[in-house]
PDB file of N, CA and C in Angstrom:
ATOM      1  N   GLU A   1    -125.978  -8.491  59.551  1.00  0.00           N
ATOM      2  CA  GLU A   1    -124.569  -8.263  59.891  1.00  0.00           C
ATOM      3  C   GLU A   1    -124.096  -9.388  60.811  1.00  0.00           C
ATOM      4  N   SER A   2    -123.097 -10.113  60.405  1.00  0.00           N
ATOM      5  CA  SER A   2    -122.675 -11.249  61.208  1.00  0.00           C
ATOM      6  C   SER A   2    -121.903 -10.783  62.439  1.00  0.00           C
ATOM      7  N   VAL A   3    -122.339 -11.250  63.577  1.00  0.00           N
ATOM      8  CA  VAL A   3    -121.728 -10.835  64.833  1.00  0.00           C
ATOM      9  C   VAL A   3    -120.301 -11.361  64.954  1.00  0.00           C
ATOM     10  N   ALA A   4    -120.076 -12.562  64.443  1.00  0.00           N
ATOM     11  CA  ALA A   4    -118.736 -13.140  64.510  1.00  0.00           C
ATOM     12  C   ALA A   4    -117.744 -12.253  63.752  1.00  0.00           C
ATOM     13  N   GLN A   5    -118.150 -11.823  62.575  1.00  0.00           N
ATOM     14  CA  GLN A   5    -117.272 -11.000  61.760  1.00  0.00           C
ATOM     15  C   GLN A   5    -117.084  -9.629  62.397  1.00  0.00           C
ATOM     16  N   GLY A   6    -118.178  -8.975  62.751  1.00  0.00           N
ATOM     17  CA  GLY A   6    -118.105  -7.634  63.287  1.00  0.00           C
ATOM     18  C   GLY A   6    -117.873  -7.588  64.785  1.00  0.00           C
ATOM     19  N   ARG A   7    -118.058  -8.708  65.451  1.00  0.00           N
ATOM     20  CA  ARG A   7    -117.931  -8.793  66.900  1.00  0.00           C
ATOM     21  C   ARG A   7    -118.632  -7.631  67.580  1.00  0.00           C
ATOM     22  N   GLY A   8    -119.809  -7.297  67.068  1.00  0.00           N
ATOM     23  CA  GLY A   8    -120.611  -6.262  67.702  1.00  0.00           C
ATOM     24  C   GLY A   8    -120.201  -4.852  67.323  1.00  0.00           C
ATOM     25  N   ILE A   9    -119.151  -4.706  66.525  1.00  0.00           N
ATOM     26  CA  ILE A   9    -118.733  -3.367  66.114  1.00  0.00           C
ATOM     27  C   ILE A   9    -119.434  -3.021  64.816  1.00  0.00           C
ATOM     28  N   LYS A  10    -120.196  -1.951  64.833  1.00  0.00           N
ATOM     29  CA  LYS A  10    -120.920  -1.539  63.642  1.00  0.00           C
ATOM     30  C   LYS A  10    -120.118  -0.497  62.881  1.00  0.00           C
ATOM     31  N   CYS A  11    -120.555  -0.267  61.668  1.00  0.00           N
ATOM     32  CA  CYS A  11    -119.879   0.662  60.774  1.00  0.00           C
ATOM     33  C   CYS A  11    -119.659   2.033  61.421  1.00  0.00           C
ATOM     34  N   SER A  12    -120.701   2.586  62.024  1.00  0.00           N
ATOM     35  CA  SER A  12    -120.581   3.938  62.588  1.00  0.00           C
ATOM     36  C   SER A  12    -119.559   4.002  63.722  1.00  0.00           C
ATOM     37  N   LYS A  13    -119.515   2.952  64.528  1.00  0.00           N
ATOM     38  CA  LYS A  13    -118.543   2.922  65.632  1.00  0.00           C
ATOM     39  C   LYS A  13    -117.129   2.778  65.099  1.00  0.00           C
ATOM     40  N   CYS A  14    -116.962   1.883  64.150  1.00  0.00           N
ATOM     41  CA  CYS A  14    -115.650   1.695  63.543  1.00  0.00           C
ATOM     42  C   CYS A  14    -115.160   3.003  62.921  1.00  0.00           C
ATOM     43  N   THR A  15    -116.050   3.666  62.185  1.00  0.00           N
ATOM     44  CA  THR A  15    -115.683   4.911  61.513  1.00  0.00           C
ATOM     45  C   THR A  15    -115.296   5.982  62.529  1.00  0.00           C
ATOM     46  N   LYS A  16    -116.042   6.050  63.620  1.00  0.00           N
ATOM     47  CA  LYS A  16    -115.748   7.027  64.671  1.00  0.00           C
ATOM     48  C   LYS A  16    -114.359   6.774  65.266  1.00  0.00           C
ATOM     49  N   ILE A  17    -114.072   5.506  65.531  1.00  0.00           N
ATOM     50  CA  ILE A  17    -112.773   5.125  66.082  1.00  0.00           C
ATOM     51  C   ILE A  17    -111.652   5.489  65.102  1.00  0.00           C
ATOM     52  N   MET A  18    -111.844   5.143  63.828  1.00  0.00           N
ATOM     53  CA  MET A  18    -110.812   5.419  62.824  1.00  0.00           C
ATOM     54  C   MET A  18    -110.597   6.916  62.601  1.00  0.00           C
ATOM     55  N   LYS A  19    -111.680   7.691  62.674  1.00  0.00           N
ATOM     56  CA  LYS A  19    -111.552   9.151  62.516  1.00  0.00           C
ATOM     57  C   LYS A  19    -110.669   9.714  63.615  1.00  0.00           C
ATOM     58  N   LYS A  20    -110.912   9.257  64.839  1.00  0.00           N
ATOM     59  CA  LYS A  20    -110.145   9.725  65.988  1.00  0.00           C
ATOM     60  C   LYS A  20    -108.673   9.346  65.835  1.00  0.00           C
ATOM     61  N   ILE A  21    -108.429   8.098  65.460  1.00  0.00           N
ATOM     62  CA  ILE A  21    -107.053   7.622  65.309  1.00  0.00           C
ATOM     63  C   ILE A  21    -106.355   8.342  64.163  1.00  0.00           C
ATOM     64  N   LYS A  22    -107.065   8.536  63.059  1.00  0.00           N
ATOM     65  CA  LYS A  22    -106.490   9.237  61.905  1.00  0.00           C
ATOM     66  C   LYS A  22    -106.118  10.673  62.270  1.00  0.00           C
ATOM     67  N   ALA A  23    -106.987  11.336  63.013  1.00  0.00           N
ATOM     68  CA  ALA A  23    -106.719  12.715  63.442  1.00  0.00           C
ATOM     69  C   ALA A  23    -105.473  12.776  64.331  1.00  0.00           C
ATOM     70  N   LEU A  24    -105.351  11.803  65.225  1.00  0.00           N
ATOM     71  CA  LEU A  24    -104.197  11.767  66.125  1.00  0.00           C
ATOM     72  C   LEU A  24    -102.911  11.412  65.385  1.00  0.00           C
ATOM     73  N   ALA A  25    -103.025  10.578  64.365  1.00  0.00           N
ATOM     74  CA  ALA A  25    -101.839  10.155  63.616  1.00  0.00           C
ATOM     75  C   ALA A  25    -101.296  11.295  62.756  1.00  0.00           C
ATOM     76  N   GLY A  26    -102.201  12.182  62.316  1.00  0.00           N
ATOM     77  CA  GLY A  26    -101.772  13.306  61.491  1.00  0.00           C
ATOM     78  C   GLY A  26    -101.641  12.922  60.031  1.00  0.00           C
ATOM     79  N   ASP A  27    -101.265  13.878  59.215  1.00  0.00           N
ATOM     80  CA  ASP A  27    -101.087  13.616  57.786  1.00  0.00           C
ATOM     81  C   ASP A  27     -99.746  12.939  57.564  1.00  0.00           C
ATOM     82  N   ASP A  28     -99.750  11.939  56.703  1.00  0.00           N
ATOM     83  CA  ASP A  28     -98.525  11.232  56.345  1.00  0.00           C
ATOM     84  C   ASP A  28     -97.768  10.694  57.566  1.00  0.00           C
ATOM     85  N   PRO A  29     -98.432   9.890  58.384  1.00  0.00           N
ATOM     86  CA  PRO A  29     -97.788   9.390  59.616  1.00  0.00           C
ATOM     87  C   PRO A  29     -96.814   8.253  59.338  1.00  0.00           C
ATOM     88  N   ASP A  30     -95.749   8.182  60.136  1.00  0.00           N
ATOM     89  CA  ASP A  30     -94.880   7.007  60.057  1.00  0.00           C
ATOM     90  C   ASP A  30     -95.425   5.962  61.019  1.00  0.00           C
ATOM     91  N   GLU A  31     -94.773   4.828  61.060  1.00  0.00           N
ATOM     92  CA  GLU A  31     -95.288   3.712  61.862  1.00  0.00           C
ATOM     93  C   GLU A  31     -95.394   4.084  63.341  1.00  0.00           C
ATOM     94  N   GLU A  32     -94.429   4.871  63.812  1.00  0.00           N
ATOM     95  CA  GLU A  32     -94.412   5.280  65.207  1.00  0.00           C
ATOM     96  C   GLU A  32     -95.602   6.183  65.529  1.00  0.00           C
ATOM     97  N   ALA A  33     -95.894   7.119  64.626  1.00  0.00           N
ATOM     98  CA  ALA A  33     -97.019   8.039  64.811  1.00  0.00           C
ATOM     99  C   ALA A  33     -98.332   7.265  64.852  1.00  0.00           C
ATOM    100  N   VAL A  34     -98.451   6.271  63.980  1.00  0.00           N
ATOM    101  CA  VAL A  34     -99.662   5.454  63.947  1.00  0.00           C
ATOM    102  C   VAL A  34     -99.790   4.653  65.237  1.00  0.00           C
ATOM    103  N   ALA A  35     -98.695   4.055  65.687  1.00  0.00           N
ATOM    104  CA  ALA A  35     -98.715   3.264  66.919  1.00  0.00           C
ATOM    105  C   ALA A  35     -99.146   4.123  68.106  1.00  0.00           C
ATOM    106  N   ALA A  36     -98.612   5.334  68.186  1.00  0.00           N
ATOM    107  CA  ALA A  36     -98.966   6.254  69.270  1.00  0.00           C
ATOM    108  C   ALA A  36    -100.440   6.642  69.176  1.00  0.00           C
ATOM    109  N   ALA A  37    -100.911   6.876  67.961  1.00  0.00           N
ATOM    110  CA  ALA A  37    -102.303   7.260  67.742  1.00  0.00           C
ATOM    111  C   ALA A  37    -103.253   6.115  68.109  1.00  0.00           C
ATOM    112  N   LEU A  38    -102.863   4.889  67.801  1.00  0.00           N
ATOM    113  CA  LEU A  38    -103.684   3.728  68.138  1.00  0.00           C
ATOM    114  C   LEU A  38    -103.806   3.615  69.651  1.00  0.00           C
ATOM    115  N   GLN A  39    -102.702   3.847  70.342  1.00  0.00           N
ATOM    116  CA  GLN A  39    -102.671   3.774  71.796  1.00  0.00           C
ATOM    117  C   GLN A  39    -103.536   4.873  72.398  1.00  0.00           C
ATOM    118  N   LYS A  40    -103.284   6.099  71.963  1.00  0.00           N
ATOM    119  CA  LYS A  40    -103.956   7.266  72.536  1.00  0.00           C
ATOM    120  C   LYS A  40    -105.417   7.350  72.098  1.00  0.00           C
ATOM    121  N   GLY A  41    -105.674   6.988  70.855  1.00  0.00           N
ATOM    122  CA  GLY A  41    -107.023   7.080  70.316  1.00  0.00           C
ATOM    123  C   GLY A  41    -108.027   6.285  71.127  1.00  0.00           C
ATOM    124  N   CYS A  42    -107.630   5.107  71.544  1.00  0.00           N
ATOM    125  CA  CYS A  42    -108.531   4.264  72.328  1.00  0.00           C
ATOM    126  C   CYS A  42    -108.769   4.856  73.712  1.00  0.00           C
ATOM    127  N   GLN A  43    -107.762   5.507  74.278  1.00  0.00           N
ATOM    128  CA  GLN A  43    -107.895   6.079  75.616  1.00  0.00           C
ATOM    129  C   GLN A  43    -108.864   7.255  75.631  1.00  0.00           C
ATOM    130  N   VAL A  44    -108.839   8.082  74.596  1.00  0.00           N
ATOM    131  CA  VAL A  44    -109.661   9.293  74.607  1.00  0.00           C
ATOM    132  C   VAL A  44    -111.117   9.038  74.227  1.00  0.00           C
ATOM    133  N   LEU A  45    -111.444   7.806  73.832  1.00  0.00           N
ATOM    134  CA  LEU A  45    -112.806   7.506  73.396  1.00  0.00           C
ATOM    135  C   LEU A  45    -113.764   7.144  74.535  1.00  0.00           C
ATOM    136  N   GLY A  46    -113.255   7.115  75.753  1.00  0.00           N
ATOM    137  CA  GLY A  46    -114.123   6.736  76.873  1.00  0.00           C
ATOM    138  C   GLY A  46    -114.127   5.230  77.061  1.00  0.00           C
ATOM    139  N   ARG A  47    -114.801   4.751  78.096  1.00  0.00           N
ATOM    140  CA  ARG A  47    -114.665   3.339  78.459  1.00  0.00           C
ATOM    141  C   ARG A  47    -115.277   2.357  77.476  1.00  0.00           C
ATOM    142  N   ALA A  48    -116.529   2.533  77.147  1.00  0.00           N
ATOM    143  CA  ALA A  48    -117.200   1.571  76.262  1.00  0.00           C
ATOM    144  C   ALA A  48    -116.569   1.556  74.870  1.00  0.00           C
ATOM    145  N   MET A  49    -116.417   2.743  74.284  1.00  0.00           N
ATOM    146  CA  MET A  49    -115.802   2.828  72.954  1.00  0.00           C
ATOM    147  C   MET A  49    -114.329   2.430  73.015  1.00  0.00           C
ATOM    148  N   GLY A  50    -113.676   2.760  74.110  1.00  0.00           N
ATOM    149  CA  GLY A  50    -112.267   2.414  74.286  1.00  0.00           C
ATOM    150  C   GLY A  50    -112.043   0.914  74.241  1.00  0.00           C
ATOM    151  N   LYS A  51    -112.944   0.177  74.870  1.00  0.00           N
ATOM    152  CA  LYS A  51    -112.859  -1.293  74.866  1.00  0.00           C
ATOM    153  C   LYS A  51    -112.979  -1.839  73.447  1.00  0.00           C
ATOM    154  N   LEU A  52    -113.973  -1.336  72.721  1.00  0.00           N
ATOM    155  CA  LEU A  52    -114.159  -1.737  71.324  1.00  0.00           C
ATOM    156  C   LEU A  52    -112.920  -1.391  70.519  1.00  0.00           C
ATOM    157  N   CYS A  53    -112.427  -0.192  70.748  1.00  0.00           N
ATOM    158  CA  CYS A  53    -111.251   0.300  70.044  1.00  0.00           C
ATOM    159  C   CYS A  53    -110.059  -0.624  70.260  1.00  0.00           C
ATOM    160  N   HIS A  54    -109.815  -0.994  71.510  1.00  0.00           N
ATOM    161  CA  HIS A  54    -108.691  -1.891  71.813  1.00  0.00           C
ATOM    162  C   HIS A  54    -108.832  -3.234  71.100  1.00  0.00           C
ATOM    163  N   ARG A  55    -110.056  -3.771  71.081  1.00  0.00           N
ATOM    164  CA  ARG A  55    -110.288  -5.048  70.391  1.00  0.00           C
ATOM    165  C   ARG A  55    -110.004  -4.918  68.903  1.00  0.00           C
ATOM    166  N   LEU A  56    -110.487  -3.816  68.353  1.00  0.00           N
ATOM    167  CA  LEU A  56    -110.322  -3.546  66.928  1.00  0.00           C
ATOM    168  C   LEU A  56    -108.836  -3.428  66.583  1.00  0.00           C
ATOM    169  N   VAL A  57    -108.129  -2.642  67.387  1.00  0.00           N
ATOM    170  CA  VAL A  57    -106.710  -2.388  67.155  1.00  0.00           C
ATOM    171  C   VAL A  57    -105.897  -3.675  67.296  1.00  0.00           C
ATOM    172  N   LYS A  58    -106.220  -4.456  68.316  1.00  0.00           N
ATOM    173  CA  LYS A  58    -105.485  -5.687  68.554  1.00  0.00           C
ATOM    174  C   LYS A  58    -105.611  -6.630  67.359  1.00  0.00           C
ATOM    175  N   LYS A  59    -106.835  -6.741  66.869  1.00  0.00           N
ATOM    176  CA  LYS A  59    -107.091  -7.682  65.787  1.00  0.00           C
ATOM    177  C   LYS A  59    -106.599  -7.199  64.423  1.00  0.00           C
ATOM    178  N   TYR A  60    -106.681  -5.898  64.198  1.00  0.00           N
ATOM    179  CA  TYR A  60    -106.409  -5.368  62.851  1.00  0.00           C
ATOM    180  C   TYR A  60    -105.258  -4.380  62.791  1.00  0.00           C
ATOM    181  N   GLN A  61    -104.373  -4.406  63.770  1.00  0.00           N
ATOM    182  CA  GLN A  61    -103.317  -3.392  63.863  1.00  0.00           C
ATOM    183  C   GLN A  61    -102.532  -3.196  62.567  1.00  0.00           C
ATOM    184  N   ASP A  62    -102.080  -4.289  61.960  1.00  0.00           N
ATOM    185  CA  ASP A  62    -101.276  -4.163  60.742  1.00  0.00           C
ATOM    186  C   ASP A  62    -102.076  -3.530  59.615  1.00  0.00           C
ATOM    187  N   GLN A  63    -103.314  -3.971  59.482  1.00  0.00           N
ATOM    188  CA  GLN A  63    -104.191  -3.449  58.434  1.00  0.00           C
ATOM    189  C   GLN A  63    -104.468  -1.957  58.637  1.00  0.00           C
ATOM    190  N   ILE A  64    -104.730  -1.577  59.880  1.00  0.00           N
ATOM    191  CA  ILE A  64    -105.010  -0.180  60.204  1.00  0.00           C
ATOM    192  C   ILE A  64    -103.772   0.674  59.959  1.00  0.00           C
ATOM    193  N   THR A  65    -102.628   0.188  60.414  1.00  0.00           N
ATOM    194  CA  THR A  65    -101.371   0.923  60.245  1.00  0.00           C
ATOM    195  C   THR A  65    -101.108   1.187  58.771  1.00  0.00           C
ATOM    196  N   GLU A  66    -101.234   0.149  57.970  1.00  0.00           N
ATOM    197  CA  GLU A  66    -101.001   0.271  56.533  1.00  0.00           C
ATOM    198  C   GLU A  66    -101.985   1.254  55.895  1.00  0.00           C
ATOM    199  N   ALA A  67    -103.246   1.125  56.262  1.00  0.00           N
ATOM    200  CA  ALA A  67    -104.287   1.990  55.696  1.00  0.00           C
ATOM    201  C   ALA A  67    -104.036   3.453  56.036  1.00  0.00           C
ATOM    202  N   LEU A  68    -103.668   3.724  57.285  1.00  0.00           N
ATOM    203  CA  LEU A  68    -103.409   5.105  57.694  1.00  0.00           C
ATOM    204  C   LEU A  68    -102.184   5.667  56.977  1.00  0.00           C
ATOM    205  N   GLN A  69    -101.178   4.828  56.794  1.00  0.00           N
ATOM    206  CA  GLN A  69     -99.981   5.282  56.084  1.00  0.00           C
ATOM    207  C   GLN A  69    -100.266   5.516  54.601  1.00  0.00           C
ATOM    208  N   ASN A  70    -101.261   4.808  54.087  1.00  0.00           N
ATOM    209  CA  ASN A  70    -101.671   5.011  52.692  1.00  0.00           C
ATOM    210  C   ASN A  70    -102.602   6.206  52.543  1.00  0.00           C
ATOM    211  N   GLY A  71    -103.037   6.760  53.682  1.00  0.00           N
ATOM    212  CA  GLY A  71    -103.940   7.904  53.640  1.00  0.00           C
ATOM    213  C   GLY A  71    -105.386   7.523  53.366  1.00  0.00           C
ATOM    214  N   ASP A  72    -105.741   6.264  53.642  1.00  0.00           N
ATOM    215  CA  ASP A  72    -107.127   5.821  53.432  1.00  0.00           C
ATOM    216  C   ASP A  72    -108.087   6.563  54.363  1.00  0.00           C
ATOM    217  N   MET A  73    -109.313   6.750  53.911  1.00  0.00           N
ATOM    218  CA  MET A  73    -110.333   7.407  54.712  1.00  0.00           C
ATOM    219  C   MET A  73    -110.918   6.412  55.725  1.00  0.00           C
ATOM    220  N   PRO A  74    -111.360   6.928  56.899  1.00  0.00           N
ATOM    221  CA  PRO A  74    -111.913   6.039  57.945  1.00  0.00           C
ATOM    222  C   PRO A  74    -112.976   5.070  57.432  1.00  0.00           C
ATOM    223  N   GLN A  75    -113.903   5.569  56.624  1.00  0.00           N
ATOM    224  CA  GLN A  75    -114.977   4.715  56.092  1.00  0.00           C
ATOM    225  C   GLN A  75    -114.395   3.578  55.244  1.00  0.00           C
ATOM    226  N   ASP A  76    -113.384   3.905  54.437  1.00  0.00           N
ATOM    227  CA  ASP A  76    -112.761   2.897  53.571  1.00  0.00           C
ATOM    228  C   ASP A  76    -112.028   1.845  54.392  1.00  0.00           C
ATOM    229  N   ILE A  77    -111.374   2.278  55.451  1.00  0.00           N
ATOM    230  CA  ILE A  77    -110.659   1.351  56.327  1.00  0.00           C
ATOM    231  C   ILE A  77    -111.657   0.364  56.943  1.00  0.00           C
ATOM    232  N   CYS A  78    -112.782   0.898  57.421  1.00  0.00           N
ATOM    233  CA  CYS A  78    -113.804   0.054  58.061  1.00  0.00           C
ATOM    234  C   CYS A  78    -114.469  -0.881  57.047  1.00  0.00           C
ATOM    235  N   THR A  79    -114.624  -0.420  55.814  1.00  0.00           N
ATOM    236  CA  THR A  79    -115.169  -1.270  54.758  1.00  0.00           C
ATOM    237  C   THR A  79    -114.201  -2.413  54.469  1.00  0.00           C
ATOM    238  N   ALA A  80    -112.921  -2.108  54.399  1.00  0.00           N
ATOM    239  CA  ALA A  80    -111.897  -3.125  54.125  1.00  0.00           C
ATOM    240  C   ALA A  80    -111.855  -4.178  55.227  1.00  0.00           C
ATOM    241  N   MET A  81    -112.145  -3.776  56.455  1.00  0.00           N
ATOM    242  CA  MET A  81    -112.136  -4.709  57.580  1.00  0.00           C
ATOM    243  C   MET A  81    -113.468  -5.436  57.728  1.00  0.00           C
ATOM    244  N   GLY A  82    -114.452  -5.055  56.915  1.00  0.00           N
ATOM    245  CA  GLY A  82    -115.729  -5.761  56.906  1.00  0.00           C
ATOM    246  C   GLY A  82    -116.786  -5.209  57.855  1.00  0.00           C
ATOM    247  N   PHE A  83    -116.561  -4.020  58.428  1.00  0.00           N
ATOM    248  CA  PHE A  83    -117.552  -3.437  59.329  1.00  0.00           C
ATOM    249  C   PHE A  83    -118.557  -2.569  58.608  1.00  0.00           C
ATOM    250  N   CYS A  84    -118.158  -2.024  57.469  1.00  0.00           N
ATOM    251  CA  CYS A  84    -119.065  -1.213  56.659  1.00  0.00           C
ATOM    252  C   CYS A  84    -119.278  -1.930  55.334  1.00  0.00           C
ATOM    253  N   ARG A  85    -120.451  -1.719  54.772  1.00  0.00           N
ATOM    254  CA  ARG A  85    -120.692  -2.246  53.423  1.00  0.00           C
ATOM    255  C   ARG A  85    -120.268  -1.186  52.428  1.00  0.00           C
ATOM    256  N   SER A  86    -119.616  -1.617  51.383  1.00  0.00           N
ATOM    257  CA  SER A  86    -119.138  -0.626  50.417  1.00  0.00           C
ATOM    258  C   SER A  86    -120.263  -0.130  49.540  1.00  0.00           C
TER     259      SER A  86
END
């Protein structure tokens, strides 16, 4: 697993972060709901995971927002971003 690509974020961590954000965003979220979930999701994950979460969100915000609005599953989102192998 290339560290540059994953920046130390592994599939399981990415999936955990996305599950939390997806749950907070709710079903069929609009852009505002996703933005709020991205903000809040990182805060509720604790310090270490929160830091990873913020890095992930900063780098992939548009991709995550689109995926959540499309109703993609956390694992699929992380695979699309290159953290999980399909």
